[in-house]
Amino acid sequence: MRALSSLRQAFEQYRQDYELGQEPTGLYDPIHYIMSNGGKRLRPLLALLGAQLFRDRIDPAFPVALAVEVFHNFSLVHDDIMDEAPLRRGKPAVHSHFGLNAGILSGDAMLILAYRCLAEAGDAPTVSHLLRVFNQVALEVCEGQQYDVDFETRRDVTIPNYIRMIELKTAALIGGSLEMGAVTVGAPLKQAGYLRTFGRHIGIAFQLQDDILDTFGDPEQFGKRVGGDIANNKKTFLILKAQQLADGQDAQRLDELMSGKPADEEAKIAEVTALLRKLKIPEWAEKLKEKYQQQAFSALSLVEVEGARKQPLADLAKQLLSRQK
């Protein structure tokens, strides 16, 4: 059984050796650019861990690991276009570096390449099962993205609405990566389903941690601007919970701040952050994150393999939920 560091290295070697395409360079250079531009490699690692829970030999899971990483990066390319975001992982986004048309077309090609990888992940029944899971996950990611866009102009967004959105946009692929990894090595369907549930709950907690860091993180450790969600009027759990708890002048001021684009963004971020602290929103967010973490580990406890096989996955989940960047 391989350690996390060994799995990361093995995936990175597989990714580098796999021929995604070379010509025409206008199509493939943007793909190589985004795929080699860092990232946590979380989803491919989860696919490999999902397989390793049940088998020592996990070679069939590598095409799935690459498929989910290609799909994830495809979604980032198109998300950056939709958000008009100039940067991704501290470097120019694909559409900023190569142009809008390249971002659209290369992103389209990445989705096709993800399917090509899946087709290489086993025999016909296995591939058929993988495609069913992947298609459902891919649609959910798109649904989550649309909800995220819709929320920008809606004033009736609730906390359950937000949790559902992040379950679709973020957590679905995390759960799907684990499930598909398990499928490639013939894991029982019920056991793969427990892994999917574990991944979805960890994915929600992961996004809540990201929301917390975006507002309350240490800029030196977080690696990007703190307060971006506030500046962009994002309806995260933090803001929605504050709107639920605030009253009087605090409620009015929060509504004013989160519905406009003042010239002094830093002053806005500072004032909203102070209001969130006054309402003890960090504590509320940590409590909700803990709830989903507990639900995740309850699902993992139902997976019928020895505890030692679960440990690398449990360790990774704990790292993700305590990270500061």
C-alpha atoms as a PDB file:
ATOM      1  CA  MET A   1       0.000   0.000   0.000  1.00  0.00           C
ATOM      2  CA  ARG A   2       1.474   3.347  -1.104  1.00  0.00           C
ATOM      3  CA  ALA A   3       1.817   6.479   1.004  1.00  0.00           C
ATOM      4  CA  LEU A   4       0.238   9.753  -0.139  1.00  0.00           C
ATOM      5  CA  SER A   5       3.558  11.144  -1.332  1.00  0.00           C
ATOM      6  CA  SER A   6       4.215   8.031  -3.409  1.00  0.00           C
ATOM      7  CA  LEU A   7       0.761   8.200  -4.999  1.00  0.00           C
ATOM      8  CA  ARG A   8       1.268  11.881  -5.866  1.00  0.00           C
ATOM      9  CA  GLN A   9       4.608  11.139  -7.506  1.00  0.00           C
ATOM     10  CA  ALA A  10       3.190   8.174  -9.416  1.00  0.00           C
ATOM     11  CA  PHE A  11       0.273  10.234 -10.723  1.00  0.00           C
ATOM     12  CA  GLU A  12       2.522  13.115 -11.730  1.00  0.00           C
ATOM     13  CA  GLN A  13       4.734  10.730 -13.688  1.00  0.00           C
ATOM     14  CA  TYR A  14       1.689   9.174 -15.356  1.00  0.00           C
ATOM     15  CA  ARG A  15       0.367  12.621 -16.263  1.00  0.00           C
ATOM     16  CA  GLN A  16       3.654  13.696 -17.780  1.00  0.00           C
ATOM     17  CA  ASP A  17       4.014  10.464 -19.765  1.00  0.00           C
ATOM     18  CA  TYR A  18       0.442  10.493 -21.098  1.00  0.00           C
ATOM     19  CA  GLU A  19       0.140  12.054 -24.545  1.00  0.00           C
ATOM     20  CA  LEU A  20      -2.708  14.544 -24.406  1.00  0.00           C
ATOM     21  CA  GLY A  21      -1.816  15.960 -27.837  1.00  0.00           C
ATOM     22  CA  GLN A  22       0.699  18.200 -29.584  1.00  0.00           C
ATOM     23  CA  GLU A  23      -0.596  19.517 -32.921  1.00  0.00           C
ATOM     24  CA  PRO A  24      -2.045  22.005 -33.622  1.00  0.00           C
ATOM     25  CA  THR A  25      -0.139  23.857 -30.939  1.00  0.00           C
ATOM     26  CA  GLY A  26      -2.863  26.511 -30.714  1.00  0.00           C
ATOM     27  CA  LEU A  27      -5.182  23.822 -29.341  1.00  0.00           C
ATOM     28  CA  TYR A  28      -2.817  21.809 -27.163  1.00  0.00           C
ATOM     29  CA  ASP A  29      -0.431  24.416 -25.736  1.00  0.00           C
ATOM     30  CA  PRO A  30      -3.194  25.917 -23.532  1.00  0.00           C
ATOM     31  CA  ILE A  31      -4.009  22.408 -22.278  1.00  0.00           C
ATOM     32  CA  HIS A  32      -0.413  21.672 -21.319  1.00  0.00           C
ATOM     33  CA  TYR A  33      -0.193  25.127 -19.741  1.00  0.00           C
ATOM     34  CA  ILE A  34      -3.123  24.657 -17.345  1.00  0.00           C
ATOM     35  CA  MET A  35      -2.313  21.001 -16.623  1.00  0.00           C
ATOM     36  CA  SER A  36       1.260  21.830 -15.605  1.00  0.00           C
ATOM     37  CA  ASN A  37       0.334  24.957 -13.644  1.00  0.00           C
ATOM     38  CA  GLY A  38       0.368  23.387 -10.200  1.00  0.00           C
ATOM     39  CA  GLY A  39      -2.767  22.673  -8.198  1.00  0.00           C
ATOM     40  CA  LYS A  40      -3.342  20.325  -5.284  1.00  0.00           C
ATOM     41  CA  ARG A  41      -3.960  17.239  -7.488  1.00  0.00           C
ATOM     42  CA  LEU A  42      -6.638  16.427  -4.928  1.00  0.00           C
ATOM     43  CA  ARG A  43      -9.109  14.687  -7.215  1.00  0.00           C
ATOM     44  CA  PRO A  44      -6.666  12.290  -8.906  1.00  0.00           C
ATOM     45  CA  LEU A  45      -5.181  11.451  -5.524  1.00  0.00           C
ATOM     46  CA  LEU A  46      -8.666  10.618  -4.246  1.00  0.00           C
ATOM     47  CA  ALA A  47      -9.316   8.379  -7.262  1.00  0.00           C
ATOM     48  CA  LEU A  48      -6.119   6.446  -6.507  1.00  0.00           C
ATOM     49  CA  LEU A  49      -6.966   6.245  -2.796  1.00  0.00           C
ATOM     50  CA  GLY A  50     -10.451   4.974  -3.667  1.00  0.00           C
ATOM     51  CA  ALA A  51      -8.842   2.116  -5.563  1.00  0.00           C
ATOM     52  CA  GLN A  52      -6.158   1.446  -2.960  1.00  0.00           C
ATOM     53  CA  LEU A  53      -8.768   0.946  -0.274  1.00  0.00           C
ATOM     54  CA  PHE A  54      -9.687  -2.326  -1.953  1.00  0.00           C
ATOM     55  CA  ARG A  55      -6.628  -3.463  -3.934  1.00  0.00           C
ATOM     56  CA  ASP A  56      -2.849  -3.159  -3.767  1.00  0.00           C
ATOM     57  CA  ARG A  57      -2.559  -3.113  -7.553  1.00  0.00           C
ATOM     58  CA  ILE A  58      -4.233   0.117  -8.659  1.00  0.00           C
ATOM     59  CA  ASP A  59      -2.950   0.540 -12.232  1.00  0.00           C
ATOM     60  CA  PRO A  60      -6.503   0.628 -13.698  1.00  0.00           C
ATOM     61  CA  ALA A  61      -7.244   3.738 -11.601  1.00  0.00           C
ATOM     62  CA  PHE A  62      -4.582   5.941 -13.226  1.00  0.00           C
ATOM     63  CA  PRO A  63      -6.648   6.719 -16.365  1.00  0.00           C
ATOM     64  CA  VAL A  64      -9.543   7.689 -14.085  1.00  0.00           C
ATOM     65  CA  ALA A  65      -7.234   9.856 -11.980  1.00  0.00           C
ATOM     66  CA  LEU A  66      -6.100  11.683 -15.108  1.00  0.00           C
ATOM     67  CA  ALA A  67      -9.678  11.976 -16.384  1.00  0.00           C
ATOM     68  CA  VAL A  68     -10.910  13.720 -13.233  1.00  0.00           C
ATOM     69  CA  GLU A  69      -7.905  16.064 -13.184  1.00  0.00           C
ATOM     70  CA  VAL A  70      -8.371  16.975 -16.856  1.00  0.00           C
ATOM     71  CA  PHE A  71     -12.096  17.550 -16.262  1.00  0.00           C
ATOM     72  CA  HIS A  72     -11.417  19.667 -13.166  1.00  0.00           C
ATOM     73  CA  ASN A  73      -8.975  21.854 -15.070  1.00  0.00           C
ATOM     74  CA  PHE A  74     -11.396  22.102 -17.997  1.00  0.00           C
ATOM     75  CA  SER A  75     -13.992  23.483 -15.598  1.00  0.00           C
ATOM     76  CA  LEU A  76     -11.465  26.012 -14.276  1.00  0.00           C
ATOM     77  CA  VAL A  77     -10.622  27.227 -17.790  1.00  0.00           C
ATOM     78  CA  HIS A  78     -14.280  27.896 -18.566  1.00  0.00           C
ATOM     79  CA  ASP A  79     -15.063  29.253 -15.081  1.00  0.00           C
ATOM     80  CA  ASP A  80     -12.277  31.817 -15.479  1.00  0.00           C
ATOM     81  CA  ILE A  81     -13.777  32.917 -18.784  1.00  0.00           C
ATOM     82  CA  MET A  82     -17.234  33.277 -17.242  1.00  0.00           C
ATOM     83  CA  ASP A  83     -15.849  35.151 -14.222  1.00  0.00           C
ATOM     84  CA  GLU A  84     -13.490  37.260 -16.348  1.00  0.00           C
ATOM     85  CA  ALA A  85     -10.784  36.198 -13.899  1.00  0.00           C
ATOM     86  CA  PRO A  86      -7.319  37.255 -15.093  1.00  0.00           C
ATOM     87  CA  LEU A  87      -5.317  34.870 -12.881  1.00  0.00           C
ATOM     88  CA  ARG A  88      -5.327  31.203 -11.971  1.00  0.00           C
ATOM     89  CA  ARG A  89      -2.876  29.831  -9.380  1.00  0.00           C
ATOM     90  CA  GLY A  90      -0.940  33.074  -9.476  1.00  0.00           C
ATOM     91  CA  LYS A  91      -0.374  33.007 -13.236  1.00  0.00           C
ATOM     92  CA  PRO A  92      -2.367  34.403 -16.180  1.00  0.00           C
ATOM     93  CA  ALA A  93      -5.523  32.379 -16.777  1.00  0.00           C
ATOM     94  CA  VAL A  94      -5.672  30.433 -20.048  1.00  0.00           C
ATOM     95  CA  HIS A  95      -7.920  32.974 -21.768  1.00  0.00           C
ATOM     96  CA  SER A  96      -5.704  35.830 -20.554  1.00  0.00           C
ATOM     97  CA  HIS A  97      -2.538  34.162 -21.836  1.00  0.00           C
ATOM     98  CA  PHE A  98      -3.758  32.543 -25.062  1.00  0.00           C
ATOM     99  CA  GLY A  99      -6.940  34.445 -25.876  1.00  0.00           C
ATOM    100  CA  LEU A 100     -10.664  33.880 -25.416  1.00  0.00           C
ATOM    101  CA  ASN A 101     -11.122  31.556 -28.411  1.00  0.00           C
ATOM    102  CA  ALA A 102      -8.269  29.346 -27.251  1.00  0.00           C
ATOM    103  CA  GLY A 103      -9.806  29.132 -23.787  1.00  0.00           C
ATOM    104  CA  ILE A 104     -13.136  28.002 -25.191  1.00  0.00           C
ATOM    105  CA  LEU A 105     -11.813  25.507 -27.747  1.00  0.00           C
ATOM    106  CA  SER A 106      -9.025  24.040 -25.626  1.00  0.00           C
ATOM    107  CA  GLY A 107     -11.477  23.671 -22.767  1.00  0.00           C
ATOM    108  CA  ASP A 108     -13.844  21.784 -25.076  1.00  0.00           C
ATOM    109  CA  ALA A 109     -10.977  19.502 -26.104  1.00  0.00           C
ATOM    110  CA  MET A 110     -10.149  18.815 -22.446  1.00  0.00           C
ATOM    111  CA  LEU A 111     -13.650  17.519 -21.813  1.00  0.00           C
ATOM    112  CA  ILE A 112     -13.246  15.135 -24.758  1.00  0.00           C
ATOM    113  CA  LEU A 113      -9.834  14.040 -23.494  1.00  0.00           C
ATOM    114  CA  ALA A 114     -11.355  13.233 -20.104  1.00  0.00           C
ATOM    115  CA  TYR A 115     -13.746  10.830 -21.827  1.00  0.00           C
ATOM    116  CA  ARG A 116     -10.855   9.297 -23.764  1.00  0.00           C
ATOM    117  CA  CYS A 117      -9.042   8.601 -20.494  1.00  0.00           C
ATOM    118  CA  LEU A 118     -12.122   6.986 -18.979  1.00  0.00           C
ATOM    119  CA  ALA A 119     -12.447   4.691 -22.000  1.00  0.00           C
ATOM    120  CA  GLU A 120      -8.987   3.305 -21.143  1.00  0.00           C
ATOM    121  CA  ALA A 121      -9.857   2.429 -17.550  1.00  0.00           C
ATOM    122  CA  GLY A 122     -10.969  -1.193 -17.904  1.00  0.00           C
ATOM    123  CA  ASP A 123     -13.248  -3.627 -19.670  1.00  0.00           C
ATOM    124  CA  ALA A 124     -16.576  -2.671 -21.243  1.00  0.00           C
ATOM    125  CA  PRO A 125     -18.759  -3.180 -18.121  1.00  0.00           C
ATOM    126  CA  THR A 126     -16.322  -1.168 -15.981  1.00  0.00           C
ATOM    127  CA  VAL A 127     -16.113   1.673 -18.500  1.00  0.00           C
ATOM    128  CA  SER A 128     -19.899   1.700 -18.823  1.00  0.00           C
ATOM    129  CA  HIS A 129     -20.236   2.093 -15.049  1.00  0.00           C
ATOM    130  CA  LEU A 130     -17.561   4.805 -14.961  1.00  0.00           C
ATOM    131  CA  LEU A 131     -19.319   6.756 -17.687  1.00  0.00           C
ATOM    132  CA  ARG A 132     -22.623   6.667 -15.798  1.00  0.00           C
ATOM    133  CA  VAL A 133     -20.954   8.044 -12.674  1.00  0.00           C
ATOM    134  CA  PHE A 134     -18.902  10.598 -14.588  1.00  0.00           C
ATOM    135  CA  ASN A 135     -21.835  11.887 -16.635  1.00  0.00           C
ATOM    136  CA  GLN A 136     -23.882  12.458 -13.487  1.00  0.00           C
ATOM    137  CA  VAL A 137     -20.995  14.244 -11.778  1.00  0.00           C
ATOM    138  CA  ALA A 138     -20.200  16.389 -14.828  1.00  0.00           C
ATOM    139  CA  LEU A 139     -23.804  17.544 -15.101  1.00  0.00           C
ATOM    140  CA  GLU A 140     -23.904  18.331 -11.390  1.00  0.00           C
ATOM    141  CA  VAL A 141     -20.767  20.458 -11.686  1.00  0.00           C
ATOM    142  CA  CYS A 142     -22.445  22.441 -14.472  1.00  0.00           C
ATOM    143  CA  GLU A 143     -25.625  22.778 -12.411  1.00  0.00           C
ATOM    144  CA  GLY A 144     -23.592  24.039  -9.462  1.00  0.00           C
ATOM    145  CA  GLN A 145     -21.846  26.584 -11.642  1.00  0.00           C
ATOM    146  CA  GLN A 146     -25.190  27.866 -12.936  1.00  0.00           C
ATOM    147  CA  TYR A 147     -26.522  28.229  -9.394  1.00  0.00           C
ATOM    148  CA  ASP A 148     -23.359  30.136  -8.491  1.00  0.00           C
ATOM    149  CA  VAL A 149     -23.970  32.511 -11.405  1.00  0.00           C
ATOM    150  CA  ASP A 150     -27.650  32.866 -10.509  1.00  0.00           C
ATOM    151  CA  PHE A 151     -26.816  33.695  -6.892  1.00  0.00           C
ATOM    152  CA  GLU A 152     -24.941  36.824  -8.005  1.00  0.00           C
ATOM    153  CA  THR A 153     -28.228  38.567  -8.801  1.00  0.00           C
ATOM    154  CA  ARG A 154     -30.619  36.801  -6.434  1.00  0.00           C
ATOM    155  CA  ARG A 155     -31.481  38.353  -3.078  1.00  0.00           C
ATOM    156  CA  ASP A 156     -33.357  35.348  -1.708  1.00  0.00           C
ATOM    157  CA  VAL A 157     -30.451  32.886  -1.421  1.00  0.00           C
ATOM    158  CA  THR A 158     -30.647  30.744   1.717  1.00  0.00           C
ATOM    159  CA  ILE A 159     -27.986  28.733   3.519  1.00  0.00           C
ATOM    160  CA  PRO A 160     -29.491  25.431   2.248  1.00  0.00           C
ATOM    161  CA  ASN A 161     -29.358  26.909  -1.281  1.00  0.00           C
ATOM    162  CA  TYR A 162     -25.676  27.665  -0.799  1.00  0.00           C
ATOM    163  CA  ILE A 163     -24.853  24.226   0.631  1.00  0.00           C
ATOM    164  CA  ARG A 164     -26.605  22.594  -2.320  1.00  0.00           C
ATOM    165  CA  MET A 165     -24.646  24.760  -4.746  1.00  0.00           C
ATOM    166  CA  ILE A 166     -21.256  23.830  -3.284  1.00  0.00           C
ATOM    167  CA  GLU A 167     -22.284  20.177  -3.086  1.00  0.00           C
ATOM    168  CA  LEU A 168     -22.860  20.251  -6.841  1.00  0.00           C
ATOM    169  CA  LYS A 169     -20.029  22.542  -7.918  1.00  0.00           C
ATOM    170  CA  THR A 170     -17.260  21.226  -5.633  1.00  0.00           C
ATOM    171  CA  ALA A 171     -18.244  18.158  -3.627  1.00  0.00           C
ATOM    172  CA  ALA A 172     -19.786  16.077  -6.425  1.00  0.00           C
ATOM    173  CA  LEU A 173     -16.453  15.631  -8.213  1.00  0.00           C
ATOM    174  CA  ILE A 174     -14.632  14.874  -4.962  1.00  0.00           C
ATOM    175  CA  GLY A 175     -17.122  12.115  -4.160  1.00  0.00           C
ATOM    176  CA  GLY A 176     -17.174  10.940  -7.759  1.00  0.00           C
ATOM    177  CA  SER A 177     -13.386  10.669  -7.886  1.00  0.00           C
ATOM    178  CA  LEU A 178     -13.380   8.311  -4.901  1.00  0.00           C
ATOM    179  CA  GLU A 179     -16.280   6.284  -6.262  1.00  0.00           C
ATOM    180  CA  MET A 180     -14.770   5.900  -9.729  1.00  0.00           C
ATOM    181  CA  GLY A 181     -11.408   4.871  -8.311  1.00  0.00           C
ATOM    182  CA  ALA A 182     -13.120   2.134  -6.339  1.00  0.00           C
ATOM    183  CA  VAL A 183     -15.123   1.002  -9.385  1.00  0.00           C
ATOM    184  CA  THR A 184     -11.959   0.445 -11.441  1.00  0.00           C
ATOM    185  CA  VAL A 185     -10.773  -2.290  -9.061  1.00  0.00           C
ATOM    186  CA  GLY A 186     -14.148  -3.997  -8.705  1.00  0.00           C
ATOM    187  CA  ALA A 187     -15.221  -2.673  -5.313  1.00  0.00           C
ATOM    188  CA  PRO A 188     -18.770  -3.649  -4.287  1.00  0.00           C
ATOM    189  CA  LEU A 189     -21.277  -1.004  -5.360  1.00  0.00           C
ATOM    190  CA  LYS A 190     -22.509  -0.421  -1.815  1.00  0.00           C
ATOM    191  CA  GLN A 191     -18.952   0.196  -0.611  1.00  0.00           C
ATOM    192  CA  ALA A 192     -18.257   2.577  -3.503  1.00  0.00           C
ATOM    193  CA  GLY A 193     -21.444   4.403  -2.532  1.00  0.00           C
ATOM    194  CA  TYR A 194     -20.214   4.916   1.034  1.00  0.00           C
ATOM    195  CA  LEU A 195     -17.037   6.413  -0.431  1.00  0.00           C
ATOM    196  CA  ARG A 196     -19.104   8.756  -2.589  1.00  0.00           C
ATOM    197  CA  THR A 197     -20.992   9.930   0.498  1.00  0.00           C
ATOM    198  CA  PHE A 198     -17.741  10.400   2.404  1.00  0.00           C
ATOM    199  CA  GLY A 199     -16.329  12.454  -0.462  1.00  0.00           C
ATOM    200  CA  ARG A 200     -19.385  14.654  -0.818  1.00  0.00           C
ATOM    201  CA  HIS A 201     -19.430  15.574   2.845  1.00  0.00           C
ATOM    202  CA  ILE A 202     -15.681  16.171   2.885  1.00  0.00           C
ATOM    203  CA  GLY A 203     -16.136  18.305  -0.241  1.00  0.00           C
ATOM    204  CA  ILE A 204     -18.704  20.531   1.469  1.00  0.00           C
ATOM    205  CA  ALA A 205     -16.459  20.878   4.522  1.00  0.00           C
ATOM    206  CA  PHE A 206     -13.506  21.596   2.193  1.00  0.00           C
ATOM    207  CA  GLN A 207     -15.385  24.481   0.564  1.00  0.00           C
ATOM    208  CA  LEU A 208     -16.455  25.864   3.939  1.00  0.00           C
ATOM    209  CA  GLN A 209     -12.791  25.845   4.983  1.00  0.00           C
ATOM    210  CA  ASP A 210     -11.971  27.703   1.764  1.00  0.00           C
ATOM    211  CA  ASP A 211     -14.651  30.294   2.580  1.00  0.00           C
ATOM    212  CA  ILE A 212     -13.199  30.751   6.054  1.00  0.00           C
ATOM    213  CA  LEU A 213      -9.664  31.184   4.717  1.00  0.00           C
ATOM    214  CA  ASP A 214     -10.805  33.628   2.039  1.00  0.00           C
ATOM    215  CA  THR A 215     -12.023  36.011   4.725  1.00  0.00           C
ATOM    216  CA  PHE A 216     -10.058  35.151   7.857  1.00  0.00           C
ATOM    217  CA  GLY A 217      -6.924  33.467   6.510  1.00  0.00           C
ATOM    218  CA  ASP A 218      -3.362  34.678   6.933  1.00  0.00           C
ATOM    219  CA  PRO A 219      -2.377  36.304   3.619  1.00  0.00           C
ATOM    220  CA  GLU A 220       1.190  35.035   4.028  1.00  0.00           C
ATOM    221  CA  GLN A 221      -0.014  31.433   4.222  1.00  0.00           C
ATOM    222  CA  PHE A 222      -3.165  31.661   2.086  1.00  0.00           C
ATOM    223  CA  GLY A 223      -1.144  32.643  -0.965  1.00  0.00           C
ATOM    224  CA  LYS A 224      -3.715  35.004  -2.441  1.00  0.00           C
ATOM    225  CA  ARG A 225      -5.677  38.093  -1.532  1.00  0.00           C
ATOM    226  CA  VAL A 226      -7.824  37.706   1.578  1.00  0.00           C
ATOM    227  CA  GLY A 227     -11.311  39.168   1.271  1.00  0.00           C
ATOM    228  CA  GLY A 228     -11.890  38.434  -2.397  1.00  0.00           C
ATOM    229  CA  ASP A 229     -15.323  36.921  -1.756  1.00  0.00           C
ATOM    230  CA  ILE A 230     -16.390  40.047   0.122  1.00  0.00           C
ATOM    231  CA  ALA A 231     -15.042  42.349  -2.588  1.00  0.00           C
ATOM    232  CA  ASN A 232     -17.009  40.383  -5.212  1.00  0.00           C
ATOM    233  CA  ASN A 233     -20.232  40.289  -3.147  1.00  0.00           C
ATOM    234  CA  LYS A 234     -20.164  36.493  -3.011  1.00  0.00           C
ATOM    235  CA  LYS A 235     -23.010  34.939  -1.045  1.00  0.00           C
ATOM    236  CA  THR A 236     -20.928  32.490   0.947  1.00  0.00           C
ATOM    237  CA  PHE A 237     -22.099  30.774   4.130  1.00  0.00           C
ATOM    238  CA  LEU A 238     -20.315  33.507   6.113  1.00  0.00           C
ATOM    239  CA  ILE A 239     -22.352  36.301   4.556  1.00  0.00           C
ATOM    240  CA  LEU A 240     -25.637  34.395   4.537  1.00  0.00           C
ATOM    241  CA  LYS A 241     -25.275  33.499   8.219  1.00  0.00           C
ATOM    242  CA  ALA A 242     -24.405  37.114   9.055  1.00  0.00           C
ATOM    243  CA  GLN A 243     -27.496  38.340   7.212  1.00  0.00           C
ATOM    244  CA  GLN A 244     -29.534  35.837   9.199  1.00  0.00           C
ATOM    245  CA  LEU A 245     -28.154  36.984  12.555  1.00  0.00           C
ATOM    246  CA  ALA A 246     -27.670  40.724  12.059  1.00  0.00           C
ATOM    247  CA  ASP A 247     -30.356  43.199  13.077  1.00  0.00           C
ATOM    248  CA  GLY A 248     -30.891  46.925  13.167  1.00  0.00           C
ATOM    249  CA  GLN A 249     -28.092  49.107  11.867  1.00  0.00           C
ATOM    250  CA  ASP A 250     -25.754  46.106  11.445  1.00  0.00           C
ATOM    251  CA  ALA A 251     -28.209  44.421   9.099  1.00  0.00           C
ATOM    252  CA  GLN A 252     -28.720  47.578   7.090  1.00  0.00           C
ATOM    253  CA  ARG A 253     -25.004  48.293   6.823  1.00  0.00           C
ATOM    254  CA  LEU A 254     -24.172  44.719   5.828  1.00  0.00           C
ATOM    255  CA  ASP A 255     -26.789  44.870   3.082  1.00  0.00           C
ATOM    256  CA  GLU A 256     -25.372  48.167   1.818  1.00  0.00           C
ATOM    257  CA  LEU A 257     -21.812  46.875   1.785  1.00  0.00           C
ATOM    258  CA  MET A 258     -22.642  43.551   0.102  1.00  0.00           C
ATOM    259  CA  SER A 259     -24.752  45.052  -2.663  1.00  0.00           C
ATOM    260  CA  GLY A 260     -22.325  47.625  -4.036  1.00  0.00           C
ATOM    261  CA  LYS A 261     -18.848  48.148  -5.445  1.00  0.00           C
ATOM    262  CA  PRO A 262     -17.250  50.999  -3.479  1.00  0.00           C
ATOM    263  CA  ALA A 263     -14.100  52.682  -4.720  1.00  0.00           C
ATOM    264  CA  ASP A 264     -12.222  51.631  -1.575  1.00  0.00           C
ATOM    265  CA  GLU A 265     -12.460  47.827  -1.618  1.00  0.00           C
ATOM    266  CA  GLU A 266     -10.052  47.356   1.265  1.00  0.00           C
ATOM    267  CA  ALA A 267     -12.200  49.514   3.540  1.00  0.00           C
ATOM    268  CA  LYS A 268     -15.250  47.468   2.565  1.00  0.00           C
ATOM    269  CA  ILE A 269     -13.439  44.191   3.288  1.00  0.00           C
ATOM    270  CA  ALA A 270     -12.273  45.478   6.665  1.00  0.00           C
ATOM    271  CA  GLU A 271     -15.736  46.676   7.701  1.00  0.00           C
ATOM    272  CA  VAL A 272     -17.533  43.493   6.613  1.00  0.00           C
ATOM    273  CA  THR A 273     -14.896  41.335   8.295  1.00  0.00           C
ATOM    274  CA  ALA A 274     -15.347  43.285  11.528  1.00  0.00           C
ATOM    275  CA  LEU A 275     -19.114  42.740  11.353  1.00  0.00           C
ATOM    276  CA  LEU A 276     -18.592  39.001  10.780  1.00  0.00           C
ATOM    277  CA  ARG A 277     -16.348  38.791  13.821  1.00  0.00           C
ATOM    278  CA  LYS A 278     -18.867  40.749  15.905  1.00  0.00           C
ATOM    279  CA  LEU A 279     -21.551  38.195  14.974  1.00  0.00           C
ATOM    280  CA  LYS A 280     -19.163  35.281  15.727  1.00  0.00           C
ATOM    281  CA  ILE A 281     -19.459  34.000  12.165  1.00  0.00           C
ATOM    282  CA  PRO A 282     -16.079  32.183  12.209  1.00  0.00           C
ATOM    283  CA  GLU A 283     -17.372  30.020  15.066  1.00  0.00           C
ATOM    284  CA  TRP A 284     -20.613  29.278  13.201  1.00  0.00           C
ATOM    285  CA  ALA A 285     -18.641  28.304  10.084  1.00  0.00           C
ATOM    286  CA  GLU A 286     -16.306  26.029  12.037  1.00  0.00           C
ATOM    287  CA  LYS A 287     -19.286  24.364  13.681  1.00  0.00           C
ATOM    288  CA  LEU A 288     -20.934  23.648  10.332  1.00  0.00           C
ATOM    289  CA  LYS A 289     -17.657  22.390   8.853  1.00  0.00           C
ATOM    290  CA  GLU A 290     -17.290  20.024  11.808  1.00  0.00           C
ATOM    291  CA  LYS A 291     -20.819  18.717  11.232  1.00  0.00           C
ATOM    292  CA  TYR A 292     -20.010  17.704   7.649  1.00  0.00           C
ATOM    293  CA  GLN A 293     -16.661  16.295   8.679  1.00  0.00           C
ATOM    294  CA  GLN A 294     -18.364  14.054  11.235  1.00  0.00           C
ATOM    295  CA  GLN A 295     -20.933  12.907   8.679  1.00  0.00           C
ATOM    296  CA  ALA A 296     -18.102  12.122   6.269  1.00  0.00           C
ATOM    297  CA  PHE A 297     -16.228   9.955   8.742  1.00  0.00           C
ATOM    298  CA  SER A 298     -19.443   8.175   9.705  1.00  0.00           C
ATOM    299  CA  ALA A 299     -19.783   7.125   6.057  1.00  0.00           C
ATOM    300  CA  LEU A 300     -16.121   6.077   5.893  1.00  0.00           C
ATOM    301  CA  SER A 301     -16.623   3.864   8.959  1.00  0.00           C
ATOM    302  CA  LEU A 302     -19.136   1.820   6.931  1.00  0.00           C
ATOM    303  CA  VAL A 303     -16.547   0.897   4.291  1.00  0.00           C
ATOM    304  CA  GLU A 304     -15.703  -2.729   5.045  1.00  0.00           C
ATOM    305  CA  VAL A 305     -11.915  -2.744   4.818  1.00  0.00           C
ATOM    306  CA  GLU A 306      -9.305  -2.830   7.559  1.00  0.00           C
ATOM    307  CA  GLY A 307      -8.548   0.420   9.329  1.00  0.00           C
ATOM    308  CA  ALA A 308      -4.978   0.609   8.039  1.00  0.00           C
ATOM    309  CA  ARG A 309      -6.264   0.873   4.470  1.00  0.00           C
ATOM    310  CA  LYS A 310      -8.505   3.805   5.417  1.00  0.00           C
ATOM    311  CA  GLN A 311      -5.774   5.717   7.227  1.00  0.00           C
ATOM    312  CA  PRO A 312      -4.183   7.506   4.226  1.00  0.00           C
ATOM    313  CA  LEU A 313      -7.614   8.731   3.123  1.00  0.00           C
ATOM    314  CA  ALA A 314      -8.529   9.830   6.634  1.00  0.00           C
ATOM    315  CA  ASP A 315      -5.184  11.612   6.991  1.00  0.00           C
ATOM    316  CA  LEU A 316      -5.660  13.457   3.698  1.00  0.00           C
ATOM    317  CA  ALA A 317      -9.163  14.564   4.669  1.00  0.00           C
ATOM    318  CA  LYS A 318      -7.929  15.932   7.986  1.00  0.00           C
ATOM    319  CA  GLN A 319      -5.101  17.791   6.239  1.00  0.00           C
ATOM    320  CA  LEU A 320      -7.554  19.405   3.837  1.00  0.00           C
ATOM    321  CA  LEU A 321      -9.850  20.581   6.601  1.00  0.00           C
ATOM    322  CA  SER A 322      -7.105  22.059   8.748  1.00  0.00           C
ATOM    323  CA  ARG A 323      -5.101  23.647   5.928  1.00  0.00           C
ATOM    324  CA  GLN A 324      -4.212  27.342   5.993  1.00  0.00           C
ATOM    325  CA  LYS A 325      -3.734  27.743   2.233  1.00  0.00           C
END
